[in-house]
Amino acid sequence: MLFSPTNISECVREWDDLEKGYQQMQDTHRLYKQKLEEVTKLQNSCSSAIARQRKKLKELTLSLKACKENQESKLSPKEKDSIAEIEESIKDKTNAFFEMEAFLPKKNGLYLNLVLGNINVTLLNKQAKFAYKDEYEKFKLVLTVILFVFSFMYRFLFSYRVLDALFNFLLVWYYCTLTIRESILISNGSRIKGWWVFHHYVSTFLSGVMLTWPDGALYQMFRNQFLSYNLYQSFVQFLQYYYQSGCLYRLRALGERHNMDLTVVLAALQQH
């Protein structure tokens, strides 16, 4: 319950308390800005150091390759072992750089620059990254169920061009949103395959074609096949989500999968 002063002395006392609280808040905010500037400097320092290390490792890799090609017959077994050990360490460091950069601001790709502009989309703590990844998975699941219901209704119950247009507009929005979210996830260290994102670009374009396709004999011939395919795809994706999410949870608990891995990443890895 809020305190409500009833006379001038209580009002003055309340004002004094508010002033003290305000001064403390200002001090806290000043400290916050100071720490924020320090964090920004550390981020820039880390990014520069990683860039220098990566450049030197690339040069060292080329030098080692040249040594193996030009002096292979002259190298002793010990030297060959040393080269192999260094090459393995270079691979480990490259993976470590990837992990470090997931927590550092970076330039957006062309697509994110076009859609969002030049803003920093890197989330700076593991909890925020995991929450965004989890929200992406839930978004896909909810839209998959909605698309399944709509596909069933429009395939077997309704056949109106206006409703088809609304369904296709939903597909355009869905796939376009997926490409944006996946680009942000990649910027935050998620190992989404390029072909997976590319196929969503293609799906966005083809859904746009369906949206603008005028009604006619050819459209009606293709319509039922298209809706049947969407019905089948949504059902399979729904089953796949629950199966893959269970597998991913177990593998993550065992430390065999990265926290930012998605169910689609696990599916791609299992295929290989």
C-alpha atoms as a PDB file:
ATOM      1  CA  MET A   1       0.000   0.000   0.000  1.00  0.00           C
ATOM      2  CA  LEU A   2       1.353   3.431  -0.973  1.00  0.00           C
ATOM      3  CA  PHE A   3       2.123   5.959   1.774  1.00  0.00           C
ATOM      4  CA  SER A   4      -0.163   9.006   1.575  1.00  0.00           C
ATOM      5  CA  PRO A   5       1.063  12.008   3.635  1.00  0.00           C
ATOM      6  CA  THR A   6      -1.721  13.847   5.479  1.00  0.00           C
ATOM      7  CA  ASN A   7       0.122  17.020   6.573  1.00  0.00           C
ATOM      8  CA  ILE A   8       2.961  19.268   5.436  1.00  0.00           C
ATOM      9  CA  SER A   9       5.604  17.797   7.779  1.00  0.00           C
ATOM     10  CA  GLU A  10       4.919  14.289   6.482  1.00  0.00           C
ATOM     11  CA  CYS A  11       5.070  15.606   2.904  1.00  0.00           C
ATOM     12  CA  VAL A  12       8.459  17.201   3.581  1.00  0.00           C
ATOM     13  CA  ARG A  13       9.731  13.998   5.194  1.00  0.00           C
ATOM     14  CA  GLU A  14       8.479  11.969   2.228  1.00  0.00           C
ATOM     15  CA  TRP A  15      10.170  14.399  -0.165  1.00  0.00           C
ATOM     16  CA  ASP A  16      13.484  14.066   1.701  1.00  0.00           C
ATOM     17  CA  ASP A  17      13.262  10.270   1.429  1.00  0.00           C
ATOM     18  CA  LEU A  18      12.535  10.570  -2.280  1.00  0.00           C
ATOM     19  CA  GLU A  19      15.537  12.866  -2.737  1.00  0.00           C
ATOM     20  CA  LYS A  20      17.826  10.359  -1.006  1.00  0.00           C
ATOM     21  CA  GLY A  21      16.469   7.560  -3.177  1.00  0.00           C
ATOM     22  CA  TYR A  22      16.907   9.701  -6.283  1.00  0.00           C
ATOM     23  CA  GLN A  23      20.542  10.446  -5.428  1.00  0.00           C
ATOM     24  CA  GLN A  24      21.217   6.725  -4.921  1.00  0.00           C
ATOM     25  CA  MET A  25      19.527   5.971  -8.235  1.00  0.00           C
ATOM     26  CA  GLN A  26      21.693   8.576  -9.996  1.00  0.00           C
ATOM     27  CA  ASP A  27      24.848   7.076  -8.486  1.00  0.00           C
ATOM     28  CA  THR A  28      23.779   3.587  -9.577  1.00  0.00           C
ATOM     29  CA  HIS A  29      22.975   4.784 -13.091  1.00  0.00           C
ATOM     30  CA  ARG A  30      26.301   6.624 -13.327  1.00  0.00           C
ATOM     31  CA  LEU A  31      28.115   3.440 -12.284  1.00  0.00           C
ATOM     32  CA  TYR A  32      26.076   1.472 -14.841  1.00  0.00           C
ATOM     33  CA  LYS A  33      27.116   3.814 -17.678  1.00  0.00           C
ATOM     34  CA  GLN A  34      30.733   3.632 -16.549  1.00  0.00           C
ATOM     35  CA  LYS A  35      30.673  -0.181 -16.559  1.00  0.00           C
ATOM     36  CA  LEU A  36      28.914  -0.136 -19.924  1.00  0.00           C
ATOM     37  CA  GLU A  37      31.723   1.944 -21.416  1.00  0.00           C
ATOM     38  CA  GLU A  38      34.259  -0.466 -19.920  1.00  0.00           C
ATOM     39  CA  VAL A  39      32.390  -3.419 -21.422  1.00  0.00           C
ATOM     40  CA  THR A  40      32.351  -1.713 -24.832  1.00  0.00           C
ATOM     41  CA  LYS A  41      36.113  -1.158 -24.668  1.00  0.00           C
ATOM     42  CA  LEU A  42      36.666  -4.795 -23.660  1.00  0.00           C
ATOM     43  CA  GLN A  43      34.454  -5.962 -26.527  1.00  0.00           C
ATOM     44  CA  ASN A  44      36.451  -3.939 -29.045  1.00  0.00           C
ATOM     45  CA  SER A  45      39.709  -5.181 -27.550  1.00  0.00           C
ATOM     46  CA  CYS A  46      38.593  -8.831 -27.738  1.00  0.00           C
ATOM     47  CA  SER A  47      37.332  -8.455 -31.309  1.00  0.00           C
ATOM     48  CA  SER A  48      40.633  -6.907 -32.419  1.00  0.00           C
ATOM     49  CA  ALA A  49      42.668  -9.592 -30.635  1.00  0.00           C
ATOM     50  CA  ILE A  50      40.624 -12.383 -32.250  1.00  0.00           C
ATOM     51  CA  ALA A  51      41.061 -10.806 -35.695  1.00  0.00           C
ATOM     52  CA  ARG A  52      44.850 -10.601 -35.187  1.00  0.00           C
ATOM     53  CA  GLN A  53      45.042 -14.173 -33.893  1.00  0.00           C
ATOM     54  CA  ARG A  54      42.947 -15.481 -36.778  1.00  0.00           C
ATOM     55  CA  LYS A  55      45.162 -13.695 -39.323  1.00  0.00           C
ATOM     56  CA  LYS A  56      48.357 -15.083 -37.761  1.00  0.00           C
ATOM     57  CA  LEU A  57      46.897 -18.593 -37.552  1.00  0.00           C
ATOM     58  CA  LYS A  58      45.963 -18.416 -41.226  1.00  0.00           C
ATOM     59  CA  GLU A  59      49.519 -17.406 -42.120  1.00  0.00           C
ATOM     60  CA  LEU A  60      50.903 -20.172 -39.905  1.00  0.00           C
ATOM     61  CA  THR A  61      48.613 -22.740 -41.541  1.00  0.00           C
ATOM     62  CA  LEU A  62      49.893 -21.749 -44.983  1.00  0.00           C
ATOM     63  CA  SER A  63      53.495 -21.962 -43.762  1.00  0.00           C
ATOM     64  CA  LEU A  64      52.950 -25.433 -42.304  1.00  0.00           C
ATOM     65  CA  LYS A  65      51.315 -26.570 -45.524  1.00  0.00           C
ATOM     66  CA  ALA A  66      54.284 -25.269 -47.525  1.00  0.00           C
ATOM     67  CA  CYS A  67      56.706 -27.065 -45.200  1.00  0.00           C
ATOM     68  CA  LYS A  68      54.882 -30.367 -45.652  1.00  0.00           C
ATOM     69  CA  GLU A  69      54.725 -30.026 -49.427  1.00  0.00           C
ATOM     70  CA  ASN A  70      58.272 -28.787 -50.047  1.00  0.00           C
ATOM     71  CA  GLN A  71      60.250 -30.516 -47.310  1.00  0.00           C
ATOM     72  CA  GLU A  72      58.251 -33.658 -46.576  1.00  0.00           C
ATOM     73  CA  SER A  73      61.172 -35.988 -47.298  1.00  0.00           C
ATOM     74  CA  LYS A  74      63.475 -33.966 -45.032  1.00  0.00           C
ATOM     75  CA  LEU A  75      61.143 -33.846 -42.038  1.00  0.00           C
ATOM     76  CA  SER A  76      61.893 -36.153 -39.132  1.00  0.00           C
ATOM     77  CA  PRO A  77      59.074 -38.136 -37.462  1.00  0.00           C
ATOM     78  CA  LYS A  78      59.275 -35.794 -34.486  1.00  0.00           C
ATOM     79  CA  GLU A  79      58.850 -32.732 -36.724  1.00  0.00           C
ATOM     80  CA  LYS A  80      55.883 -34.347 -38.477  1.00  0.00           C
ATOM     81  CA  ASP A  81      54.282 -35.032 -35.105  1.00  0.00           C
ATOM     82  CA  SER A  82      54.883 -31.407 -34.096  1.00  0.00           C
ATOM     83  CA  ILE A  83      53.205 -30.160 -37.290  1.00  0.00           C
ATOM     84  CA  ALA A  84      50.213 -32.459 -36.733  1.00  0.00           C
ATOM     85  CA  GLU A  85      49.927 -31.284 -33.131  1.00  0.00           C
ATOM     86  CA  ILE A  86      50.055 -27.611 -34.154  1.00  0.00           C
ATOM     87  CA  GLU A  87      47.415 -28.172 -36.857  1.00  0.00           C
ATOM     88  CA  GLU A  88      45.124 -29.831 -34.318  1.00  0.00           C
ATOM     89  CA  SER A  89      45.643 -26.934 -31.902  1.00  0.00           C
ATOM     90  CA  ILE A  90      44.819 -24.460 -34.686  1.00  0.00           C
ATOM     91  CA  LYS A  91      41.487 -26.240 -35.237  1.00  0.00           C
ATOM     92  CA  ASP A  92      40.751 -26.064 -31.498  1.00  0.00           C
ATOM     93  CA  LYS A  93      41.567 -22.359 -31.416  1.00  0.00           C
ATOM     94  CA  THR A  94      39.337 -21.716 -34.441  1.00  0.00           C
ATOM     95  CA  ASN A  95      36.426 -23.350 -32.597  1.00  0.00           C
ATOM     96  CA  ALA A  96      37.271 -21.316 -29.494  1.00  0.00           C
ATOM     97  CA  PHE A  97      37.161 -18.097 -31.550  1.00  0.00           C
ATOM     98  CA  PHE A  98      33.683 -19.053 -32.752  1.00  0.00           C
ATOM     99  CA  GLU A  99      32.532 -19.476 -29.132  1.00  0.00           C
ATOM    100  CA  MET A 100      34.090 -16.149 -28.110  1.00  0.00           C
ATOM    101  CA  GLU A 101      32.581 -14.230 -31.015  1.00  0.00           C
ATOM    102  CA  ALA A 102      29.109 -15.460 -30.076  1.00  0.00           C
ATOM    103  CA  PHE A 103      29.293 -13.026 -27.131  1.00  0.00           C
ATOM    104  CA  LEU A 104      30.832 -10.115 -29.042  1.00  0.00           C
ATOM    105  CA  PRO A 105      29.062  -7.543 -31.236  1.00  0.00           C
ATOM    106  CA  LYS A 106      29.591  -8.137 -34.932  1.00  0.00           C
ATOM    107  CA  LYS A 107      28.505  -6.635 -38.224  1.00  0.00           C
ATOM    108  CA  ASN A 108      25.205  -7.916 -39.538  1.00  0.00           C
ATOM    109  CA  GLY A 109      25.006  -9.749 -42.820  1.00  0.00           C
ATOM    110  CA  LEU A 110      23.472  -8.172 -45.904  1.00  0.00           C
ATOM    111  CA  TYR A 111      19.997  -9.558 -45.183  1.00  0.00           C
ATOM    112  CA  LEU A 112      19.797  -8.287 -41.596  1.00  0.00           C
ATOM    113  CA  ASN A 113      21.187  -4.916 -42.683  1.00  0.00           C
ATOM    114  CA  LEU A 114      18.435  -4.617 -45.287  1.00  0.00           C
ATOM    115  CA  VAL A 115      15.684  -5.660 -42.867  1.00  0.00           C
ATOM    116  CA  LEU A 116      16.809  -4.226 -39.511  1.00  0.00           C
ATOM    117  CA  GLY A 117      19.530  -1.763 -40.386  1.00  0.00           C
ATOM    118  CA  ASN A 118      22.947  -1.599 -38.749  1.00  0.00           C
ATOM    119  CA  ILE A 119      21.947  -2.536 -35.195  1.00  0.00           C
ATOM    120  CA  ASN A 120      23.648  -4.945 -32.817  1.00  0.00           C
ATOM    121  CA  VAL A 121      21.640  -8.173 -32.529  1.00  0.00           C
ATOM    122  CA  THR A 122      24.176 -10.056 -30.384  1.00  0.00           C
ATOM    123  CA  LEU A 123      22.756 -11.137 -27.024  1.00  0.00           C
ATOM    124  CA  LEU A 124      25.425 -10.841 -24.349  1.00  0.00           C
ATOM    125  CA  ASN A 125      24.529 -13.632 -21.912  1.00  0.00           C
ATOM    126  CA  LYS A 126      23.733 -17.327 -22.188  1.00  0.00           C
ATOM    127  CA  GLN A 127      20.296 -17.013 -20.607  1.00  0.00           C
ATOM    128  CA  ALA A 128      19.133 -14.448 -23.181  1.00  0.00           C
ATOM    129  CA  LYS A 129      20.550 -16.505 -26.057  1.00  0.00           C
ATOM    130  CA  PHE A 130      18.876 -19.695 -24.867  1.00  0.00           C
ATOM    131  CA  ALA A 131      15.578 -17.882 -24.228  1.00  0.00           C
ATOM    132  CA  TYR A 132      15.602 -16.476 -27.779  1.00  0.00           C
ATOM    133  CA  LYS A 133      16.438 -19.888 -29.243  1.00  0.00           C
ATOM    134  CA  ASP A 134      13.675 -21.511 -27.177  1.00  0.00           C
ATOM    135  CA  GLU A 135      11.192 -18.846 -28.278  1.00  0.00           C
ATOM    136  CA  TYR A 136      12.122 -19.531 -31.917  1.00  0.00           C
ATOM    137  CA  GLU A 137      11.365 -23.232 -31.450  1.00  0.00           C
ATOM    138  CA  LYS A 138       8.011 -22.471 -29.800  1.00  0.00           C
ATOM    139  CA  PHE A 139       7.135 -19.986 -32.558  1.00  0.00           C
ATOM    140  CA  LYS A 140       7.763 -22.669 -35.179  1.00  0.00           C
ATOM    141  CA  LEU A 141       5.689 -25.219 -33.260  1.00  0.00           C
ATOM    142  CA  VAL A 142       2.688 -22.898 -32.831  1.00  0.00           C
ATOM    143  CA  LEU A 143       2.732 -21.818 -36.486  1.00  0.00           C
ATOM    144  CA  THR A 144       3.094 -25.445 -37.592  1.00  0.00           C
ATOM    145  CA  VAL A 145      -0.114 -26.346 -35.727  1.00  0.00           C
ATOM    146  CA  ILE A 146      -1.927 -23.297 -37.146  1.00  0.00           C
ATOM    147  CA  LEU A 147      -0.822 -24.121 -40.697  1.00  0.00           C
ATOM    148  CA  PHE A 148      -1.926 -27.737 -40.226  1.00  0.00           C
ATOM    149  CA  VAL A 149      -5.414 -26.650 -39.138  1.00  0.00           C
ATOM    150  CA  PHE A 150      -5.752 -24.108 -41.961  1.00  0.00           C
ATOM    151  CA  SER A 151      -4.486 -26.593 -44.553  1.00  0.00           C
ATOM    152  CA  PHE A 152      -7.075 -29.146 -43.434  1.00  0.00           C
ATOM    153  CA  MET A 153      -9.914 -26.602 -43.439  1.00  0.00           C
ATOM    154  CA  TYR A 154      -9.095 -25.156 -46.859  1.00  0.00           C
ATOM    155  CA  ARG A 155      -8.427 -28.580 -48.380  1.00  0.00           C
ATOM    156  CA  PHE A 156     -11.622 -30.309 -47.252  1.00  0.00           C
ATOM    157  CA  LEU A 157     -14.105 -27.689 -45.978  1.00  0.00           C
ATOM    158  CA  PHE A 158     -13.669 -24.336 -47.755  1.00  0.00           C
ATOM    159  CA  SER A 159     -12.658 -23.323 -51.255  1.00  0.00           C
ATOM    160  CA  TYR A 160     -12.580 -19.537 -51.539  1.00  0.00           C
ATOM    161  CA  ARG A 161      -9.837 -17.539 -53.252  1.00  0.00           C
ATOM    162  CA  VAL A 162      -9.903 -14.896 -50.511  1.00  0.00           C
ATOM    163  CA  LEU A 163      -9.231 -17.520 -47.823  1.00  0.00           C
ATOM    164  CA  ASP A 164      -6.473 -19.007 -49.982  1.00  0.00           C
ATOM    165  CA  ALA A 165      -4.904 -15.548 -50.234  1.00  0.00           C
ATOM    166  CA  LEU A 166      -4.984 -15.166 -46.436  1.00  0.00           C
ATOM    167  CA  PHE A 167      -3.374 -18.598 -46.045  1.00  0.00           C
ATOM    168  CA  ASN A 168      -0.622 -17.769 -48.546  1.00  0.00           C
ATOM    169  CA  PHE A 169      -0.032 -14.391 -46.896  1.00  0.00           C
ATOM    170  CA  LEU A 170       0.425 -16.246 -43.593  1.00  0.00           C
ATOM    171  CA  LEU A 171       3.019 -18.470 -45.291  1.00  0.00           C
ATOM    172  CA  VAL A 172       4.891 -15.441 -46.677  1.00  0.00           C
ATOM    173  CA  TRP A 173       4.943 -13.797 -43.237  1.00  0.00           C
ATOM    174  CA  TYR A 174       5.932 -17.063 -41.515  1.00  0.00           C
ATOM    175  CA  TYR A 175       8.877 -17.879 -43.774  1.00  0.00           C
ATOM    176  CA  CYS A 176      10.059 -14.261 -43.873  1.00  0.00           C
ATOM    177  CA  THR A 177       9.983 -14.146 -40.061  1.00  0.00           C
ATOM    178  CA  LEU A 178      11.914 -17.421 -39.883  1.00  0.00           C
ATOM    179  CA  THR A 179      14.706 -16.055 -42.085  1.00  0.00           C
ATOM    180  CA  ILE A 180      15.072 -12.997 -39.841  1.00  0.00           C
ATOM    181  CA  ARG A 181      15.061 -15.000 -36.613  1.00  0.00           C
ATOM    182  CA  GLU A 182      17.481 -17.571 -37.995  1.00  0.00           C
ATOM    183  CA  SER A 183      19.885 -14.836 -39.105  1.00  0.00           C
ATOM    184  CA  ILE A 184      19.807 -13.437 -35.562  1.00  0.00           C
ATOM    185  CA  LEU A 185      20.390 -16.920 -34.116  1.00  0.00           C
ATOM    186  CA  ILE A 186      23.391 -17.423 -36.414  1.00  0.00           C
ATOM    187  CA  SER A 187      24.815 -14.098 -35.185  1.00  0.00           C
ATOM    188  CA  ASN A 188      24.482 -15.467 -31.648  1.00  0.00           C
ATOM    189  CA  GLY A 189      26.388 -18.683 -32.294  1.00  0.00           C
ATOM    190  CA  SER A 190      23.692 -21.066 -33.506  1.00  0.00           C
ATOM    191  CA  ARG A 191      25.025 -23.570 -36.037  1.00  0.00           C
ATOM    192  CA  ILE A 192      22.150 -23.449 -38.520  1.00  0.00           C
ATOM    193  CA  LYS A 193      23.117 -24.856 -41.900  1.00  0.00           C
ATOM    194  CA  GLY A 194      23.159 -22.437 -44.829  1.00  0.00           C
ATOM    195  CA  TRP A 195      20.933 -24.687 -46.939  1.00  0.00           C
ATOM    196  CA  TRP A 196      18.241 -24.563 -44.238  1.00  0.00           C
ATOM    197  CA  VAL A 197      18.088 -20.758 -44.260  1.00  0.00           C
ATOM    198  CA  PHE A 198      18.298 -20.665 -48.066  1.00  0.00           C
ATOM    199  CA  HIS A 199      15.325 -22.987 -48.438  1.00  0.00           C
ATOM    200  CA  HIS A 200      13.302 -20.574 -46.299  1.00  0.00           C
ATOM    201  CA  TYR A 201      14.238 -17.742 -48.690  1.00  0.00           C
ATOM    202  CA  VAL A 202      12.972 -19.903 -51.551  1.00  0.00           C
ATOM    203  CA  SER A 203       9.813 -20.771 -49.595  1.00  0.00           C
ATOM    204  CA  THR A 204       9.139 -17.072 -48.998  1.00  0.00           C
ATOM    205  CA  PHE A 205       9.423 -16.355 -52.730  1.00  0.00           C
ATOM    206  CA  LEU A 206       7.246 -19.311 -53.771  1.00  0.00           C
ATOM    207  CA  SER A 207       4.595 -18.425 -51.181  1.00  0.00           C
ATOM    208  CA  GLY A 208       4.559 -14.939 -52.709  1.00  0.00           C
ATOM    209  CA  VAL A 209       3.983 -16.532 -56.129  1.00  0.00           C
ATOM    210  CA  MET A 210       1.025 -18.475 -54.707  1.00  0.00           C
ATOM    211  CA  LEU A 211      -0.328 -15.308 -53.122  1.00  0.00           C
ATOM    212  CA  THR A 212      -0.326 -13.374 -56.407  1.00  0.00           C
ATOM    213  CA  TRP A 213      -1.399 -16.284 -58.653  1.00  0.00           C
ATOM    214  CA  PRO A 214      -4.742 -15.297 -60.242  1.00  0.00           C
ATOM    215  CA  ASP A 215      -7.669 -17.684 -59.890  1.00  0.00           C
ATOM    216  CA  GLY A 216      -8.176 -19.995 -62.853  1.00  0.00           C
ATOM    217  CA  ALA A 217      -8.125 -23.590 -64.057  1.00  0.00           C
ATOM    218  CA  LEU A 218      -4.365 -24.033 -63.507  1.00  0.00           C
ATOM    219  CA  TYR A 219      -4.549 -22.528 -60.024  1.00  0.00           C
ATOM    220  CA  GLN A 220      -7.413 -24.824 -59.030  1.00  0.00           C
ATOM    221  CA  MET A 221      -5.537 -27.862 -60.375  1.00  0.00           C
ATOM    222  CA  PHE A 222      -2.477 -27.025 -58.288  1.00  0.00           C
ATOM    223  CA  ARG A 223      -4.359 -25.788 -55.206  1.00  0.00           C
ATOM    224  CA  ASN A 224      -5.424 -29.150 -53.773  1.00  0.00           C
ATOM    225  CA  GLN A 225      -1.968 -30.663 -54.303  1.00  0.00           C
ATOM    226  CA  PHE A 226      -0.371 -27.679 -52.588  1.00  0.00           C
ATOM    227  CA  LEU A 227      -2.725 -27.833 -49.587  1.00  0.00           C
ATOM    228  CA  SER A 228      -2.253 -31.610 -49.285  1.00  0.00           C
ATOM    229  CA  TYR A 229       1.514 -31.098 -49.276  1.00  0.00           C
ATOM    230  CA  ASN A 230       1.234 -28.405 -46.576  1.00  0.00           C
ATOM    231  CA  LEU A 231      -0.967 -30.718 -44.522  1.00  0.00           C
ATOM    232  CA  TYR A 232       1.595 -33.520 -44.777  1.00  0.00           C
ATOM    233  CA  GLN A 233       4.567 -31.215 -44.109  1.00  0.00           C
ATOM    234  CA  SER A 234       3.006 -29.649 -41.003  1.00  0.00           C
ATOM    235  CA  PHE A 235       2.165 -33.072 -39.574  1.00  0.00           C
ATOM    236  CA  VAL A 236       5.697 -34.397 -40.155  1.00  0.00           C
ATOM    237  CA  GLN A 237       7.293 -31.246 -38.697  1.00  0.00           C
ATOM    238  CA  PHE A 238       5.086 -31.527 -35.612  1.00  0.00           C
ATOM    239  CA  LEU A 239       6.188 -35.126 -34.990  1.00  0.00           C
ATOM    240  CA  GLN A 240       9.803 -34.286 -35.786  1.00  0.00           C
ATOM    241  CA  TYR A 241       9.830 -31.397 -33.320  1.00  0.00           C
ATOM    242  CA  TYR A 242       8.887 -33.584 -30.355  1.00  0.00           C
ATOM    243  CA  TYR A 243      11.245 -36.382 -31.318  1.00  0.00           C
ATOM    244  CA  GLN A 244      14.232 -34.118 -32.054  1.00  0.00           C
ATOM    245  CA  SER A 245      13.644 -31.873 -29.024  1.00  0.00           C
ATOM    246  CA  GLY A 246      13.760 -34.936 -26.755  1.00  0.00           C
ATOM    247  CA  CYS A 247      16.999 -36.137 -28.371  1.00  0.00           C
ATOM    248  CA  LEU A 248      18.514 -32.656 -28.210  1.00  0.00           C
ATOM    249  CA  TYR A 249      17.657 -32.306 -24.519  1.00  0.00           C
ATOM    250  CA  ARG A 250      19.375 -35.603 -23.685  1.00  0.00           C
ATOM    251  CA  LEU A 251      22.462 -34.816 -25.772  1.00  0.00           C
ATOM    252  CA  ARG A 252      22.738 -31.338 -24.253  1.00  0.00           C
ATOM    253  CA  ALA A 253      22.500 -32.819 -20.756  1.00  0.00           C
ATOM    254  CA  LEU A 254      25.376 -35.163 -21.670  1.00  0.00           C
ATOM    255  CA  GLY A 255      27.428 -32.229 -22.981  1.00  0.00           C
ATOM    256  CA  GLU A 256      27.441 -33.553 -26.541  1.00  0.00           C
ATOM    257  CA  ARG A 257      25.497 -30.671 -28.066  1.00  0.00           C
ATOM    258  CA  HIS A 258      25.810 -26.883 -27.929  1.00  0.00           C
ATOM    259  CA  ASN A 259      23.167 -24.889 -26.033  1.00  0.00           C
ATOM    260  CA  MET A 260      22.337 -22.905 -29.184  1.00  0.00           C
ATOM    261  CA  ASP A 261      21.781 -25.991 -31.354  1.00  0.00           C
ATOM    262  CA  LEU A 262      18.271 -26.289 -32.791  1.00  0.00           C
ATOM    263  CA  THR A 263      16.158 -29.344 -33.536  1.00  0.00           C
ATOM    264  CA  VAL A 264      16.813 -28.714 -37.258  1.00  0.00           C
ATOM    265  CA  VAL A 265      20.576 -28.722 -36.597  1.00  0.00           C
ATOM    266  CA  LEU A 266      20.293 -32.078 -34.840  1.00  0.00           C
ATOM    267  CA  ALA A 267      18.287 -33.503 -37.753  1.00  0.00           C
ATOM    268  CA  ALA A 268      20.981 -32.401 -40.225  1.00  0.00           C
ATOM    269  CA  LEU A 269      23.759 -33.891 -38.076  1.00  0.00           C
ATOM    270  CA  GLN A 270      21.937 -37.210 -37.734  1.00  0.00           C
ATOM    271  CA  GLN A 271      21.623 -37.455 -41.514  1.00  0.00           C
ATOM    272  CA  HIS A 272      25.408 -37.285 -41.759  1.00  0.00           C
END
